[in-house]
Amino acid sequence: MAKINGGENPTAEMVWTRLLRYIGHWHALGYGYWAVFEKTTGRYAGSIGFQDAHRDITPELKYPEAGWTLIPEVRGNGYASEALATVLLWADQTFSSPVCCIIDEENKRSSHLAERFGFHFRDYVNYRGKQVRMLVRQ
């Protein structure tokens, strides 16, 4: 199994919990995450979408939160750009509010991608004892 966000290998319990969270978002809020697959091989490549995680974060996130993650084996192939363009088009047609994201300062790739797609730095937020960047896209 691929590592989650470059961290630990997920257990079956972690995968099941994530799946239920993703399904629950669609049923409760009408939005959530999509799975990303390679077109040529059909291999699972990651996930991308929006959530309202009710994070214990200061300042709080007031808009749907965009998020994306790809397995390490497919990074650098343009999949994140293609997927983000697609979900942001969907968001522009669906949400009446801006969308936001939080990105670790060290994650330069995601920061660059977000900024390329119109996210702008808004504030530093404290999440789980770490300062991360909050970006907003109008």
C-alpha atoms as a PDB file:
ATOM      1  CA  MET A   1       0.000   0.000   0.000  1.00  0.00           C
ATOM      2  CA  ALA A   2       1.185   3.532  -0.738  1.00  0.00           C
ATOM      3  CA  LYS A   3       2.140   5.873   2.043  1.00  0.00           C
ATOM      4  CA  ILE A   4      -0.333   8.620   2.946  1.00  0.00           C
ATOM      5  CA  ASN A   5       1.057  12.129   2.330  1.00  0.00           C
ATOM      6  CA  GLY A   6       4.575  10.711   2.366  1.00  0.00           C
ATOM      7  CA  GLY A   7       4.081   9.553   5.965  1.00  0.00           C
ATOM      8  CA  GLU A   8       3.245   6.177   7.381  1.00  0.00           C
ATOM      9  CA  ASN A   9       1.853   3.224   5.488  1.00  0.00           C
ATOM     10  CA  PRO A  10      -1.918   3.218   6.046  1.00  0.00           C
ATOM     11  CA  THR A  11      -3.559   0.364   7.876  1.00  0.00           C
ATOM     12  CA  ALA A  12      -6.824  -1.179   6.697  1.00  0.00           C
ATOM     13  CA  GLU A  13      -8.526   0.751   9.499  1.00  0.00           C
ATOM     14  CA  MET A  14      -7.090   4.071   8.293  1.00  0.00           C
ATOM     15  CA  VAL A  15      -8.142   3.382   4.699  1.00  0.00           C
ATOM     16  CA  TRP A  16     -11.674   2.387   5.794  1.00  0.00           C
ATOM     17  CA  THR A  17     -12.030   5.486   7.994  1.00  0.00           C
ATOM     18  CA  ARG A  18     -10.917   7.739   5.150  1.00  0.00           C
ATOM     19  CA  LEU A  19     -13.353   6.065   2.748  1.00  0.00           C
ATOM     20  CA  LEU A  20     -16.253   6.560   5.163  1.00  0.00           C
ATOM     21  CA  ARG A  21     -15.267  10.209   5.677  1.00  0.00           C
ATOM     22  CA  TYR A  22     -15.216  10.753   1.914  1.00  0.00           C
ATOM     23  CA  ILE A  23     -18.606   9.083   1.403  1.00  0.00           C
ATOM     24  CA  GLY A  24     -20.060  11.021   4.331  1.00  0.00           C
ATOM     25  CA  HIS A  25     -19.019  14.361   2.875  1.00  0.00           C
ATOM     26  CA  TRP A  26     -20.901  13.662  -0.354  1.00  0.00           C
ATOM     27  CA  HIS A  27     -24.036  12.545   1.486  1.00  0.00           C
ATOM     28  CA  ALA A  28     -24.073  15.293   4.106  1.00  0.00           C
ATOM     29  CA  LEU A  29     -22.667  18.274   2.190  1.00  0.00           C
ATOM     30  CA  GLY A  30     -22.975  17.509  -1.518  1.00  0.00           C
ATOM     31  CA  TYR A  31     -19.219  17.687  -2.066  1.00  0.00           C
ATOM     32  CA  GLY A  32     -16.160  15.687  -1.166  1.00  0.00           C
ATOM     33  CA  TYR A  33     -13.195  13.915  -2.716  1.00  0.00           C
ATOM     34  CA  TRP A  34     -12.665  12.112  -5.992  1.00  0.00           C
ATOM     35  CA  ALA A  35     -10.218   9.305  -6.648  1.00  0.00           C
ATOM     36  CA  VAL A  36      -7.543  10.017  -9.258  1.00  0.00           C
ATOM     37  CA  PHE A  37      -6.520   7.221 -11.626  1.00  0.00           C
ATOM     38  CA  GLU A  38      -3.910   7.074 -14.365  1.00  0.00           C
ATOM     39  CA  LYS A  39      -5.669   7.105 -17.739  1.00  0.00           C
ATOM     40  CA  THR A  40      -3.247   4.708 -19.387  1.00  0.00           C
ATOM     41  CA  THR A  41      -2.928   2.074 -16.658  1.00  0.00           C
ATOM     42  CA  GLY A  42      -6.011   2.563 -14.496  1.00  0.00           C
ATOM     43  CA  ARG A  43      -3.717   2.609 -11.443  1.00  0.00           C
ATOM     44  CA  TYR A  44      -4.927   4.565  -8.407  1.00  0.00           C
ATOM     45  CA  ALA A  45      -2.872   7.761  -8.245  1.00  0.00           C
ATOM     46  CA  GLY A  46      -4.375   9.696  -5.328  1.00  0.00           C
ATOM     47  CA  SER A  47      -7.340  11.807  -4.304  1.00  0.00           C
ATOM     48  CA  ILE A  48      -8.485  15.393  -4.680  1.00  0.00           C
ATOM     49  CA  GLY A  49     -11.512  17.368  -3.601  1.00  0.00           C
ATOM     50  CA  PHE A  50     -13.107  19.460  -0.903  1.00  0.00           C
ATOM     51  CA  GLN A  51     -13.999  18.945   2.724  1.00  0.00           C
ATOM     52  CA  ASP A  52     -15.346  20.601   5.820  1.00  0.00           C
ATOM     53  CA  ALA A  53     -13.244  18.846   8.436  1.00  0.00           C
ATOM     54  CA  HIS A  54     -14.156  21.123  11.370  1.00  0.00           C
ATOM     55  CA  ARG A  55     -10.440  21.336  12.065  1.00  0.00           C
ATOM     56  CA  ASP A  56      -9.340  22.600  15.449  1.00  0.00           C
ATOM     57  CA  ILE A  57      -7.480  25.465  13.822  1.00  0.00           C
ATOM     58  CA  THR A  58      -6.899  29.137  14.564  1.00  0.00           C
ATOM     59  CA  PRO A  59      -7.987  31.172  12.727  1.00  0.00           C
ATOM     60  CA  GLU A  60     -10.756  28.844  11.583  1.00  0.00           C
ATOM     61  CA  LEU A  61     -11.309  27.826   7.985  1.00  0.00           C
ATOM     62  CA  LYS A  62     -14.513  29.497   6.819  1.00  0.00           C
ATOM     63  CA  TYR A  63     -14.757  28.038   3.304  1.00  0.00           C
ATOM     64  CA  PRO A  64     -14.726  24.579   1.740  1.00  0.00           C
ATOM     65  CA  GLU A  65     -11.185  23.282   2.055  1.00  0.00           C
ATOM     66  CA  ALA A  66      -9.451  21.967  -1.040  1.00  0.00           C
ATOM     67  CA  GLY A  67      -7.029  19.120  -0.651  1.00  0.00           C
ATOM     68  CA  TRP A  68      -5.014  16.801  -2.856  1.00  0.00           C
ATOM     69  CA  THR A  69      -2.555  14.003  -2.426  1.00  0.00           C
ATOM     70  CA  LEU A  70      -0.826  11.738  -4.909  1.00  0.00           C
ATOM     71  CA  ILE A  71       1.103   8.559  -4.334  1.00  0.00           C
ATOM     72  CA  PRO A  72       4.860   9.162  -4.617  1.00  0.00           C
ATOM     73  CA  GLU A  73       5.219   6.989  -7.714  1.00  0.00           C
ATOM     74  CA  VAL A  74       3.144   9.346  -9.893  1.00  0.00           C
ATOM     75  CA  ARG A  75       4.294  12.750  -8.668  1.00  0.00           C
ATOM     76  CA  GLY A  76       5.835  15.035 -11.262  1.00  0.00           C
ATOM     77  CA  ASN A  77       3.683  13.795 -14.157  1.00  0.00           C
ATOM     78  CA  GLY A  78       1.185  16.675 -14.217  1.00  0.00           C
ATOM     79  CA  TYR A  79      -1.640  14.694 -12.604  1.00  0.00           C
ATOM     80  CA  ALA A  80      -2.101  17.180  -9.765  1.00  0.00           C
ATOM     81  CA  SER A  81      -2.371  20.088 -12.225  1.00  0.00           C
ATOM     82  CA  GLU A  82      -4.887  18.273 -14.403  1.00  0.00           C
ATOM     83  CA  ALA A  83      -6.975  17.150 -11.438  1.00  0.00           C
ATOM     84  CA  LEU A  84      -6.878  20.532  -9.689  1.00  0.00           C
ATOM     85  CA  ALA A  85      -7.961  22.344 -12.863  1.00  0.00           C
ATOM     86  CA  THR A  86     -10.911  19.956 -13.127  1.00  0.00           C
ATOM     87  CA  VAL A  87     -12.091  20.197  -9.525  1.00  0.00           C
ATOM     88  CA  LEU A  88     -11.697  23.985  -9.440  1.00  0.00           C
ATOM     89  CA  LEU A  89     -13.880  24.279 -12.536  1.00  0.00           C
ATOM     90  CA  TRP A  90     -16.448  22.157 -10.694  1.00  0.00           C
ATOM     91  CA  ALA A  91     -16.059  24.357  -7.578  1.00  0.00           C
ATOM     92  CA  ASP A  92     -16.559  27.540  -9.604  1.00  0.00           C
ATOM     93  CA  GLN A  93     -19.872  26.125 -10.838  1.00  0.00           C
ATOM     94  CA  THR A  94     -20.936  24.723  -7.457  1.00  0.00           C
ATOM     95  CA  PHE A  95     -19.849  26.959  -4.583  1.00  0.00           C
ATOM     96  CA  SER A  96     -21.048  30.490  -4.002  1.00  0.00           C
ATOM     97  CA  SER A  97     -18.116  31.077  -1.656  1.00  0.00           C
ATOM     98  CA  PRO A  98     -14.349  31.102  -2.053  1.00  0.00           C
ATOM     99  CA  VAL A  99     -12.405  27.909  -1.340  1.00  0.00           C
ATOM    100  CA  CYS A 100      -9.329  27.599   0.853  1.00  0.00           C
ATOM    101  CA  CYS A 101      -6.511  25.195   1.557  1.00  0.00           C
ATOM    102  CA  ILE A 102      -3.815  24.749   4.158  1.00  0.00           C
ATOM    103  CA  ILE A 103      -0.312  23.773   3.113  1.00  0.00           C
ATOM    104  CA  ASP A 104       2.762  23.008   5.166  1.00  0.00           C
ATOM    105  CA  GLU A 105       5.509  25.585   4.601  1.00  0.00           C
ATOM    106  CA  GLU A 106       7.872  22.833   3.478  1.00  0.00           C
ATOM    107  CA  ASN A 107       5.517  21.535   0.774  1.00  0.00           C
ATOM    108  CA  LYS A 108       6.809  23.810  -1.982  1.00  0.00           C
ATOM    109  CA  ARG A 109       5.234  21.751  -4.780  1.00  0.00           C
ATOM    110  CA  SER A 110       1.711  22.083  -3.409  1.00  0.00           C
ATOM    111  CA  SER A 111       2.221  25.754  -2.561  1.00  0.00           C
ATOM    112  CA  HIS A 112       3.371  26.495  -6.103  1.00  0.00           C
ATOM    113  CA  LEU A 113       0.464  24.497  -7.564  1.00  0.00           C
ATOM    114  CA  ALA A 114      -2.105  26.288  -5.396  1.00  0.00           C
ATOM    115  CA  GLU A 115      -0.731  29.710  -6.272  1.00  0.00           C
ATOM    116  CA  ARG A 116      -0.653  28.826  -9.975  1.00  0.00           C
ATOM    117  CA  PHE A 117      -4.390  28.063  -9.752  1.00  0.00           C
ATOM    118  CA  GLY A 118      -5.328  31.319  -8.051  1.00  0.00           C
ATOM    119  CA  PHE A 119      -4.957  30.590  -4.338  1.00  0.00           C
ATOM    120  CA  HIS A 120      -3.467  33.526  -2.443  1.00  0.00           C
ATOM    121  CA  PHE A 121      -1.773  33.497   0.940  1.00  0.00           C
ATOM    122  CA  ARG A 122      -4.194  34.756   3.599  1.00  0.00           C
ATOM    123  CA  ASP A 123      -2.692  33.894   6.966  1.00  0.00           C
ATOM    124  CA  TYR A 124      -0.578  31.532   8.993  1.00  0.00           C
ATOM    125  CA  VAL A 125      -2.698  29.142  11.033  1.00  0.00           C
ATOM    126  CA  ASN A 126      -1.792  26.894  13.935  1.00  0.00           C
ATOM    127  CA  TYR A 127      -2.775  23.296  13.264  1.00  0.00           C
ATOM    128  CA  ARG A 128      -1.726  20.426  15.505  1.00  0.00           C
ATOM    129  CA  GLY A 129       1.027  22.500  17.047  1.00  0.00           C
ATOM    130  CA  LYS A 130       2.510  23.545  13.729  1.00  0.00           C
ATOM    131  CA  GLN A 131       2.241  26.775  11.797  1.00  0.00           C
ATOM    132  CA  VAL A 132       0.929  26.203   8.256  1.00  0.00           C
ATOM    133  CA  ARG A 133      -0.089  28.500   5.440  1.00  0.00           C
ATOM    134  CA  MET A 134      -3.772  29.174   4.701  1.00  0.00           C
ATOM    135  CA  LEU A 135      -4.508  30.161   1.117  1.00  0.00           C
ATOM    136  CA  VAL A 136      -7.829  31.336  -0.325  1.00  0.00           C
ATOM    137  CA  ARG A 137      -9.117  31.329  -3.893  1.00  0.00           C
ATOM    138  CA  GLN A 138     -11.939  33.763  -4.671  1.00  0.00           C
END
